[in-house]
Protein backbone atom coordinates (compact mmCIF):
# COMPACT_ATOMS: atom_id res chain seq x y z
CA UNK A 1 119.80 121.25 99.14
CA UNK A 2 117.09 122.60 96.84
CA UNK A 3 115.25 125.92 95.83
CA UNK A 4 111.62 126.18 95.77
CA UNK A 5 109.76 128.94 94.59
CA UNK A 6 105.67 129.19 95.17
CA UNK A 7 104.02 131.98 93.81
CA UNK A 8 100.82 132.63 95.73
CA UNK A 9 98.38 135.67 94.74
CA UNK A 10 100.92 137.34 92.97
CA UNK A 11 103.28 137.46 95.79
CA UNK A 12 107.06 135.71 94.99
CA UNK A 13 107.71 133.30 98.37
CA UNK A 14 111.00 131.76 98.43
CA UNK A 15 111.70 128.59 100.66
CA UNK A 16 114.89 126.65 101.07
CA UNK A 17 114.65 122.92 102.73
CA UNK A 18 118.11 122.30 103.86
CA UNK A 19 116.93 118.55 105.47
CA UNK A 20 114.79 115.77 104.06
CA UNK A 21 112.50 116.98 107.03
CA UNK A 22 112.14 120.31 106.84
CA UNK A 23 108.55 121.54 105.25
CA UNK A 24 106.85 124.84 104.11
CA UNK A 25 103.95 126.25 106.25
CA UNK A 26 101.33 127.80 104.05
CA UNK A 27 98.11 129.35 105.35
CA UNK A 28 98.52 126.96 108.56
CA UNK A 29 99.47 124.20 106.92
CA UNK A 30 102.77 122.63 106.66
CA UNK A 31 103.44 120.79 103.80
CA UNK A 32 104.68 117.50 103.11
CA UNK A 33 106.63 116.44 99.77
CA UNK A 34 108.17 113.26 101.44
CA UNK A 35 108.29 109.94 103.62
CA UNK A 36 111.04 111.42 106.28
CA UNK A 37 108.03 114.54 106.70
CA UNK A 38 105.24 112.55 107.08
CA UNK A 39 106.71 110.56 109.91
CA UNK A 40 107.78 113.49 111.57
CA UNK A 41 104.09 114.78 111.48
CA UNK A 42 103.36 116.28 115.09
CA UNK A 43 100.06 116.23 117.53
CA UNK A 44 98.00 119.38 117.16
CA UNK A 45 99.22 120.12 113.31
CA UNK A 46 97.72 120.87 110.11
CA UNK A 47 99.78 118.88 107.30
CA UNK A 48 98.67 119.37 103.49
CA UNK A 49 100.61 116.89 100.48
CA UNK A 50 102.36 118.06 97.34
CA UNK A 51 103.17 114.82 96.32
CA UNK A 52 102.33 111.14 96.77
CA UNK A 53 103.93 109.81 99.43
CA UNK A 54 105.60 106.10 99.17
CA UNK A 55 105.56 104.20 102.56
CA UNK A 56 106.64 100.78 101.76
CA UNK A 57 107.64 98.83 104.49
CA UNK A 58 107.09 101.67 107.19
CA UNK A 59 105.14 101.38 110.19
CA UNK A 60 102.77 104.15 111.34
CA UNK A 61 101.21 104.93 114.76
CA UNK A 62 98.36 106.66 115.14
CA UNK A 63 98.66 110.54 115.22
CA UNK A 64 96.52 113.48 116.65
CA UNK A 65 96.64 116.27 113.91
CA UNK A 66 93.88 118.68 113.87
CA UNK A 67 93.52 118.79 110.04
CA UNK A 68 94.88 116.63 107.15
CA UNK A 69 94.64 117.37 103.08
CA UNK A 70 96.11 114.75 100.61
CA UNK A 71 95.31 117.58 98.25
CA UNK A 72 94.76 114.63 95.59
CA UNK A 73 97.45 112.62 96.28
CA UNK A 74 97.75 109.13 97.63
CA UNK A 75 99.58 107.52 100.40
CA UNK A 76 100.53 104.04 99.49
CA UNK A 77 102.69 100.30 101.24
CA UNK A 78 102.16 101.48 104.74
CA UNK A 79 101.76 99.24 107.71
CA UNK A 80 99.39 100.90 110.48
CA UNK A 81 100.79 100.23 114.17
CA UNK A 82 98.67 100.47 117.45
CA UNK A 83 98.66 103.46 120.06
CA UNK A 84 97.13 103.69 123.82
CA UNK A 85 95.55 106.85 123.66
CA UNK A 86 92.90 108.30 126.56
CA UNK A 87 89.34 108.21 125.95
CA UNK A 88 87.85 111.77 127.21
CA UNK A 89 84.14 110.54 126.45
CA UNK A 90 84.14 107.39 129.03
CA UNK A 91 87.17 108.75 130.99
CA UNK A 92 89.63 105.59 130.02
CA UNK A 93 92.37 104.78 127.75
CA UNK A 94 92.07 102.15 124.98
CA UNK A 95 94.10 100.70 122.25
CA UNK A 96 93.72 102.08 118.82
CA UNK A 97 95.28 101.20 115.28
CA UNK A 98 94.90 103.59 112.83
CA UNK A 99 96.96 106.59 110.82
CA UNK A 100 95.16 109.50 112.55
CA UNK A 101 93.13 110.24 115.69
CA UNK A 102 90.75 113.14 116.80
CA UNK A 103 91.51 115.16 113.75
CA UNK A 104 89.04 117.61 113.03
CA UNK A 105 89.19 117.32 109.35
CA UNK A 106 90.70 114.23 106.65
CA UNK A 107 90.04 115.02 103.05
CA UNK A 108 90.99 114.57 99.57
CA UNK A 109 93.20 111.68 99.65
CA UNK A 110 93.42 108.01 98.54
CA UNK A 111 95.09 105.17 100.74
CA UNK A 112 96.34 102.48 98.44
CA UNK A 113 97.75 99.16 99.29
CA UNK A 114 97.72 99.70 103.36
CA UNK A 115 98.08 96.57 105.79
CA UNK A 116 96.49 96.77 109.01
CA UNK A 117 97.22 94.02 111.90
CA UNK A 118 95.59 94.35 115.07
CA UNK A 119 95.02 92.09 118.15
CA UNK A 120 93.18 93.47 121.48
CA UNK A 121 92.38 96.87 119.91
CA UNK A 122 89.16 98.82 120.34
CA UNK A 123 89.45 100.43 117.14
CA UNK A 124 90.82 99.20 114.21
CA UNK A 125 90.68 101.72 110.84
CA UNK A 126 92.94 102.58 108.04
CA UNK A 127 92.40 106.23 108.27
CA UNK A 128 90.83 107.36 111.82
CA UNK A 129 89.85 107.04 115.24
CA UNK A 130 86.99 109.68 116.32
CA UNK A 131 87.58 112.36 113.56
CA UNK A 132 85.16 114.63 112.87
CA UNK A 133 84.76 115.23 109.70
CA UNK A 134 86.13 112.77 106.41
CA UNK A 135 85.47 114.44 103.15
CA UNK A 136 86.82 113.07 99.32
CA UNK A 137 89.02 110.16 100.87
CA UNK A 138 89.56 106.64 99.44
CA UNK A 139 91.03 103.15 100.78
CA UNK A 140 91.81 100.41 98.03
CA UNK A 141 93.64 97.70 97.50
CA UNK A 142 93.95 97.17 101.71
CA UNK A 143 93.38 94.89 103.99
CA UNK A 144 92.74 94.70 107.76
CA UNK A 145 92.86 91.74 110.06
CA UNK A 146 91.75 92.54 113.72
CA UNK A 147 91.33 89.97 116.97
CA UNK A 148 89.90 90.70 120.35
CA UNK A 149 90.82 87.48 122.54
CA UNK A 150 88.48 85.98 124.75
CA UNK A 151 89.54 86.88 128.09
CA UNK A 152 90.88 90.24 126.74
CA UNK A 153 89.76 93.64 127.77
CA UNK A 154 89.87 97.14 126.70
CA UNK A 155 92.57 98.92 128.11
CA UNK A 156 91.52 100.44 131.83
CA UNK A 157 88.04 100.74 130.68
CA UNK A 158 85.16 99.44 128.18
CA UNK A 159 82.90 100.74 126.09
CA UNK A 160 79.52 100.19 126.12
CA UNK A 161 79.74 99.85 122.19
CA UNK A 162 82.06 97.29 121.47
CA UNK A 163 84.68 96.89 119.08
CA UNK A 164 84.81 99.22 115.98
CA UNK A 165 85.81 98.16 112.62
CA UNK A 166 85.97 100.37 109.22
CA UNK A 167 88.24 101.20 106.25
CA UNK A 168 87.69 104.63 107.16
CA UNK A 169 86.66 105.18 110.78
CA UNK A 170 86.37 102.82 113.29
CA UNK A 171 83.94 104.84 115.71
CA UNK A 172 82.71 108.34 116.45
CA UNK A 173 82.62 110.57 113.39
CA UNK A 174 80.49 113.45 112.68
CA UNK A 175 80.44 113.71 109.00
CA UNK A 176 81.53 110.91 106.63
CA UNK A 177 80.54 112.95 102.82
CA UNK A 178 82.06 111.27 99.49
CA UNK A 179 83.88 108.37 100.89
CA UNK A 180 85.00 105.25 98.60
CA UNK A 181 86.54 101.58 99.42
CA UNK A 182 87.46 99.51 96.35
CA UNK A 183 89.06 96.04 96.51
CA UNK A 184 89.92 95.71 100.05
CA UNK A 185 89.69 93.15 102.75
CA UNK A 186 88.59 93.66 106.38
CA UNK A 187 88.33 90.43 108.63
CA UNK A 188 87.43 90.16 112.62
CA UNK A 189 87.83 87.25 114.59
CA UNK A 190 86.44 88.47 118.16
CA UNK A 191 85.85 85.51 120.66
CA UNK A 192 85.94 88.11 123.76
CA UNK A 193 82.60 89.76 125.15
CA UNK A 194 82.46 92.88 123.15
CA UNK A 195 80.29 94.03 120.50
CA UNK A 196 81.29 93.35 117.14
CA UNK A 197 80.58 96.79 114.57
CA UNK A 198 82.45 96.41 111.15
CA UNK A 199 81.92 98.61 108.23
CA UNK A 200 82.93 99.07 105.10
CA UNK A 201 83.00 102.60 105.83
CA UNK A 202 82.57 103.07 109.39
CA UNK A 203 82.39 100.56 111.88
CA UNK A 204 80.19 102.49 114.38
CA UNK A 205 79.06 105.95 114.74
CA UNK A 206 78.19 105.70 118.26
CA UNK A 207 79.84 108.47 120.50
CA UNK A 208 78.27 111.71 122.44
CA UNK A 209 75.65 112.65 120.00
CA UNK A 210 78.24 114.05 117.43
CA UNK A 211 77.56 111.77 114.67
CA UNK A 212 75.26 114.04 111.75
CA UNK A 213 76.20 113.05 108.09
CA UNK A 214 76.69 109.34 106.42
CA UNK A 215 76.29 110.56 102.51
CA UNK A 216 77.70 109.50 99.25
CA UNK A 217 79.57 106.80 99.93
CA UNK A 218 80.32 103.45 98.35
CA UNK A 219 81.95 100.37 98.86
CA UNK A 220 83.17 98.16 95.60
CA UNK A 221 84.52 95.04 94.98
CA UNK A 222 85.16 94.22 98.64
CA UNK A 223 85.58 91.24 101.30
CA UNK A 224 84.10 91.71 104.95
CA UNK A 225 84.59 88.52 107.09
CA UNK A 226 83.39 88.58 110.70
CA UNK A 227 83.69 85.68 113.64
CA UNK A 228 82.19 87.03 116.84
CA UNK A 229 81.54 83.80 119.19
CA UNK A 230 80.57 85.55 122.67
CA UNK A 231 79.07 88.95 121.44
CA UNK A 232 76.55 90.57 119.61
CA UNK A 233 77.38 91.75 115.85
CA UNK A 234 76.33 94.43 113.91
CA UNK A 235 77.97 94.40 109.94
CA UNK A 236 77.48 96.08 106.97
CA UNK A 237 79.02 97.28 103.32
CA UNK A 238 78.80 100.98 104.62
CA UNK A 239 78.07 101.05 108.09
CA UNK A 240 78.11 98.38 110.90
CA UNK A 241 75.98 100.31 113.18
CA UNK A 242 74.33 103.76 112.55
CA UNK A 243 73.55 104.81 115.99
CA UNK A 244 71.52 108.46 115.60
CA UNK A 245 70.49 111.10 118.56
CA UNK A 246 67.34 112.41 116.92
CA UNK A 247 68.74 115.69 114.77
CA UNK A 248 67.96 115.34 111.58
CA UNK A 249 70.90 113.24 110.64
CA UNK A 250 71.63 112.91 107.39
CA UNK A 251 71.59 109.20 105.81
CA UNK A 252 71.64 108.76 102.09
CA UNK A 253 73.07 108.20 98.58
CA UNK A 254 75.43 105.00 99.52
CA UNK A 255 76.44 102.06 97.12
CA UNK A 256 77.54 98.71 97.75
CA UNK A 257 78.53 96.61 94.54
CA UNK A 258 80.47 93.36 94.23
CA UNK A 259 80.60 92.98 98.01
CA UNK A 260 80.69 89.94 100.03
CA UNK A 261 79.62 89.74 103.40
CA UNK A 262 80.06 86.23 106.21
CA UNK A 263 79.35 87.14 109.46
CA UNK A 264 78.96 83.46 111.69
CA UNK A 265 78.55 83.88 115.43
CA UNK A 266 76.25 82.71 118.40
CA UNK A 267 74.74 85.52 119.52
CA UNK A 268 72.37 88.29 117.89
CA UNK A 269 73.69 89.08 114.31
CA UNK A 270 72.50 91.98 112.41
CA UNK A 271 74.02 92.51 108.70
CA UNK A 272 72.73 94.30 105.25
CA UNK A 273 74.47 94.76 102.09
CA UNK A 274 74.45 98.78 103.41
CA UNK A 275 74.11 98.88 106.80
CA UNK A 276 73.90 96.25 109.49
CA UNK A 277 72.16 98.15 112.46
CA UNK A 278 70.37 101.51 112.35
CA UNK A 279 68.35 102.78 116.07
CA UNK A 280 68.01 105.96 117.66
CA UNK A 281 69.13 106.69 120.98
CA UNK A 282 66.70 105.03 124.34
CA UNK A 283 64.13 107.80 124.85
CA UNK A 284 64.45 110.00 121.99
CA UNK A 285 62.09 110.68 118.95
CA UNK A 286 63.80 109.50 115.98
CA UNK A 287 63.54 112.49 113.22
CA UNK A 288 66.07 111.00 110.55
CA UNK A 289 65.39 109.21 107.42
CA UNK A 290 67.55 106.68 105.47
CA UNK A 291 67.30 107.15 101.44
CA UNK A 292 68.43 106.25 98.32
CA UNK A 293 70.22 103.00 99.01
CA UNK A 294 71.75 100.71 96.87
CA UNK A 295 73.64 97.19 97.00
CA UNK A 296 74.29 95.01 93.53
CA UNK A 297 75.85 91.73 92.40
CA UNK A 298 76.87 90.82 96.05
CA UNK A 299 76.47 88.14 98.84
CA UNK A 300 74.81 88.48 102.14
CA UNK A 301 75.35 84.98 103.76
CA UNK A 302 75.17 84.92 107.97
CA UNK A 303 75.16 82.08 110.34
CA UNK A 304 74.04 81.49 114.14
CA UNK A 305 74.42 78.47 116.21
CA UNK A 306 72.89 78.85 119.34
CA UNK A 307 69.19 78.02 119.65
CA UNK A 308 68.15 81.49 121.36
CA UNK A 309 70.40 83.57 119.05
CA UNK A 310 68.95 86.04 116.38
CA UNK A 311 70.05 86.48 113.06
CA UNK A 312 68.65 89.20 110.78
CA UNK A 313 69.38 89.48 107.39
CA UNK A 314 69.08 92.00 104.51
CA UNK A 315 70.18 93.21 101.18
CA UNK A 316 70.46 96.60 102.52
CA UNK A 317 69.37 96.74 105.76
CA UNK A 318 70.10 94.26 108.84
CA UNK A 319 67.46 95.84 111.13
CA UNK A 320 66.20 98.88 110.96
CA UNK A 321 64.88 99.81 114.82
CA UNK A 322 63.86 102.98 114.77
CA UNK A 323 63.82 105.90 111.79
CA UNK A 324 61.14 108.32 110.60
CA UNK A 325 61.06 105.88 107.42
CA UNK A 326 63.37 104.25 105.12
CA UNK A 327 62.76 104.64 101.58
CA UNK A 328 63.91 104.32 98.00
CA UNK A 329 66.05 101.48 98.16
CA UNK A 330 67.48 98.68 95.36
CA UNK A 331 69.36 95.83 96.10
CA UNK A 332 69.77 93.57 92.55
CA UNK A 333 71.61 90.11 91.34
CA UNK A 334 72.07 89.61 95.24
CA UNK A 335 71.91 86.65 97.70
CA UNK A 336 71.07 87.13 100.92
CA UNK A 337 71.14 83.47 103.03
CA UNK A 338 70.91 82.08 106.22
CA UNK A 339 71.78 79.22 108.32
CA UNK A 340 72.80 77.76 111.62
CA UNK A 341 70.54 76.14 114.46
CA UNK A 342 69.39 79.62 115.76
CA UNK A 343 65.39 79.52 115.68
CA UNK A 344 64.88 83.70 115.04
CA UNK A 345 65.78 84.86 111.83
CA UNK A 346 64.58 87.36 109.92
CA UNK A 347 65.52 87.70 106.20
CA UNK A 348 64.51 90.28 103.70
CA UNK A 349 65.43 90.79 99.63
CA UNK A 350 65.95 93.97 101.19
CA UNK A 351 65.46 94.62 104.79
CA UNK A 352 65.75 92.19 107.24
CA UNK A 353 64.30 93.06 109.90
CA UNK A 354 61.65 96.93 110.50
CA UNK A 355 60.03 98.86 112.78
CA UNK A 356 59.62 101.33 110.73
CA UNK A 357 57.71 102.49 107.84
CA UNK A 358 59.60 101.25 104.33
CA UNK A 359 58.80 102.58 101.02
CA UNK A 360 59.62 102.57 97.39
CA UNK A 361 61.56 99.37 97.65
CA UNK A 362 63.05 97.40 94.38
CA UNK A 363 63.94 93.94 94.75
CA UNK A 364 65.46 92.65 91.68
CA UNK A 365 66.57 89.29 90.92
CA UNK A 366 67.42 88.43 94.57
CA UNK A 367 67.56 85.08 95.90
CA UNK A 368 66.83 85.01 99.91
CA UNK A 369 66.91 82.10 102.38
CA UNK A 370 65.61 81.73 105.98
CA UNK A 371 66.47 79.50 109.17
CA UNK A 372 62.36 79.98 109.59
CA UNK A 373 59.31 81.18 107.96
CA UNK A 374 60.17 85.06 108.21
CA UNK A 375 61.59 85.51 104.86
CA UNK A 376 60.61 87.80 102.34
CA UNK A 377 61.94 89.37 99.08
CA UNK A 378 61.45 93.17 100.50
CA UNK A 379 61.25 92.52 104.22
CA UNK A 380 62.03 89.84 106.60
CA UNK A 381 59.91 90.61 109.14
CA UNK A 382 58.11 93.27 110.84
CA UNK A 383 54.09 94.78 111.74
CA UNK A 384 54.80 97.71 109.55
CA UNK A 385 54.04 99.01 106.34
CA UNK A 386 55.88 98.51 102.94
CA UNK A 387 54.38 100.97 100.55
CA UNK A 388 55.22 101.54 96.85
CA UNK A 389 57.48 98.83 96.02
CA UNK A 390 58.54 95.87 93.48
CA UNK A 391 59.86 92.31 93.68
CA UNK A 392 60.74 90.95 90.17
CA UNK A 393 62.12 87.86 89.43
CA UNK A 394 62.30 86.01 92.47
CA UNK A 395 61.01 82.40 92.99
CA UNK A 396 61.77 80.70 96.46
CA UNK A 397 59.60 78.83 98.92
CA UNK A 398 59.62 82.10 101.40
CA UNK A 399 56.82 84.57 100.89
CA UNK A 400 56.74 87.10 98.03
CA UNK A 401 56.83 90.46 99.99
CA UNK A 402 57.18 89.82 103.23
CA UNK A 403 57.56 86.92 105.52
CA UNK A 404 55.50 88.51 108.38
CA UNK A 405 51.84 88.28 108.32
CA UNK A 406 51.20 91.53 110.13
CA UNK A 407 52.71 93.65 107.74
CA UNK A 408 51.06 96.11 105.85
CA UNK A 409 51.63 95.70 102.43
CA UNK A 410 50.13 99.03 100.29
CA UNK A 411 50.37 99.70 96.21
CA UNK A 412 53.28 96.74 96.21
CA UNK A 413 53.66 94.82 92.83
CA UNK A 414 55.55 92.18 90.97
CA UNK A 415 56.91 90.64 88.13
CA UNK A 416 58.26 86.91 87.10
CA UNK A 417 58.03 85.60 90.79
CA UNK A 418 56.75 82.42 92.06
CA UNK A 419 56.43 82.54 96.06
CA UNK A 420 54.42 81.00 98.29
CA UNK A 421 52.46 84.13 99.52
CA UNK A 422 51.32 85.48 96.22
CA UNK A 423 47.16 85.39 97.12
CA UNK A 424 47.36 89.47 97.74
CA UNK A 425 49.96 90.00 95.12
CA UNK A 426 49.13 92.29 92.00
CA UNK A 427 51.25 91.37 88.88
CA UNK A 428 52.29 94.34 86.92
CA UNK A 429 51.18 94.66 83.72
CA UNK A 430 53.16 94.23 80.80
CA UNK A 431 52.62 97.89 79.57
CA UNK A 432 53.00 99.62 82.52
CA UNK A 433 55.50 101.04 84.31
CA UNK A 434 56.64 100.17 87.64
CA UNK A 435 58.64 103.71 88.39
CA UNK A 436 55.53 105.54 87.34
CA UNK A 437 53.36 102.87 89.19
CA UNK A 438 54.95 103.05 92.42
CA UNK A 439 56.03 106.67 92.48
CA UNK A 440 60.11 106.45 91.94
CA UNK A 441 62.12 109.85 91.02
CA UNK A 442 63.09 109.25 86.95
CA UNK A 443 65.19 111.86 87.51
CA UNK A 444 67.06 109.35 90.41
CA UNK A 445 65.82 105.80 89.39
CA UNK A 446 66.48 104.54 85.75
CA UNK A 447 65.37 101.30 84.44
CA UNK A 448 67.21 99.70 81.31
CA UNK A 449 67.32 96.26 79.88
CA UNK A 450 65.39 95.04 82.98
CA UNK A 451 68.19 96.27 85.39
CA UNK A 452 67.35 99.29 87.99
CA UNK A 453 69.78 102.01 88.89
CA UNK A 454 69.77 105.23 91.20
CA UNK A 455 72.04 107.58 90.03
CA UNK A 456 73.02 110.23 93.15
């Protein structure tokens, strides 16, 4: 038995926990001090950590809490279990693997040394499934290994969006802000017929028009490996599939460093250092922007092995299908490659394929290869405008700016590059500042010793 004396606003509160699983409720939150209390969380409750929680060797099955506040503490050592839950969106029951599901908020917590292994599960995520708001959440030194078998089906129903795998959220979140993943490995082996949507932070944002914000997130020193043999794959260092509903969604300030992203499949593959596939719902006018993305020191490698397959790889975005614009994107010291037997490939130093205007793109010291001629230092393919952009230190058999001859290049420059398509390119003068020349915001962009950065 022990006494806890707590003072709030000059009022002394006395709580006397008599058992290990008793905790004190303050202002609507039940405080958690130890592993037993953590394991005893109830559906619908709101919880706050007052200590780091050691869950070494314990298996945690998903729990539907209202709110969870880590208060700056960490949860470590756990094994993530699975659970069948009712999905109100498509009136079905699906298997999920995560700590939490359908919470209003998860915030201020680090998950460290967590292991998740799932089989035939719709959503595999260390932190949550269909949780509305994430803020200040970190996953590090952890692993996810998800498998979906060829003849398996989602329990009592299906989802049009496929499988979701991500360290923070598998699929369907409203807001993900200031969330990070470090030194973590994510693997999906999918031989089933549901699409593979895999991201370092979030697998996909598809779901009932709730998504609003993905901002100030990062992935560092991560490995993502996807084998998707019978279905499409969307894979990115931050997000696999960003699906919007034309509601002024905010997608900005996303950073990936030291990532190794490798995807092998035989259908459509869309993969990027930051986002695999970005699009808007059918018949909705897009009114969202994607701004300030950074990829550094990474490898993005795709392999597609059917002749009618499609492979779109980008240093930042694999396929930007619909948006008002994509702007202020940096890719640096990164290898973007393609191989296999597919005849339809687009590979770009920054964007694999785009259907909307791109501006203020910087491709610095990258290597790009493609299955065919659709490869470029900035863009793989797309009959779009690329404005105010720069390629530096790029030597390749592919094209300097874009692999698509219908791309319209405006106010674009290069330096120290030698490529197949150079005749319409303008070299930056020795005494000219590229930041000034193409209108980069000097309060965010910097260039020192030949290396660019974006501060956010």
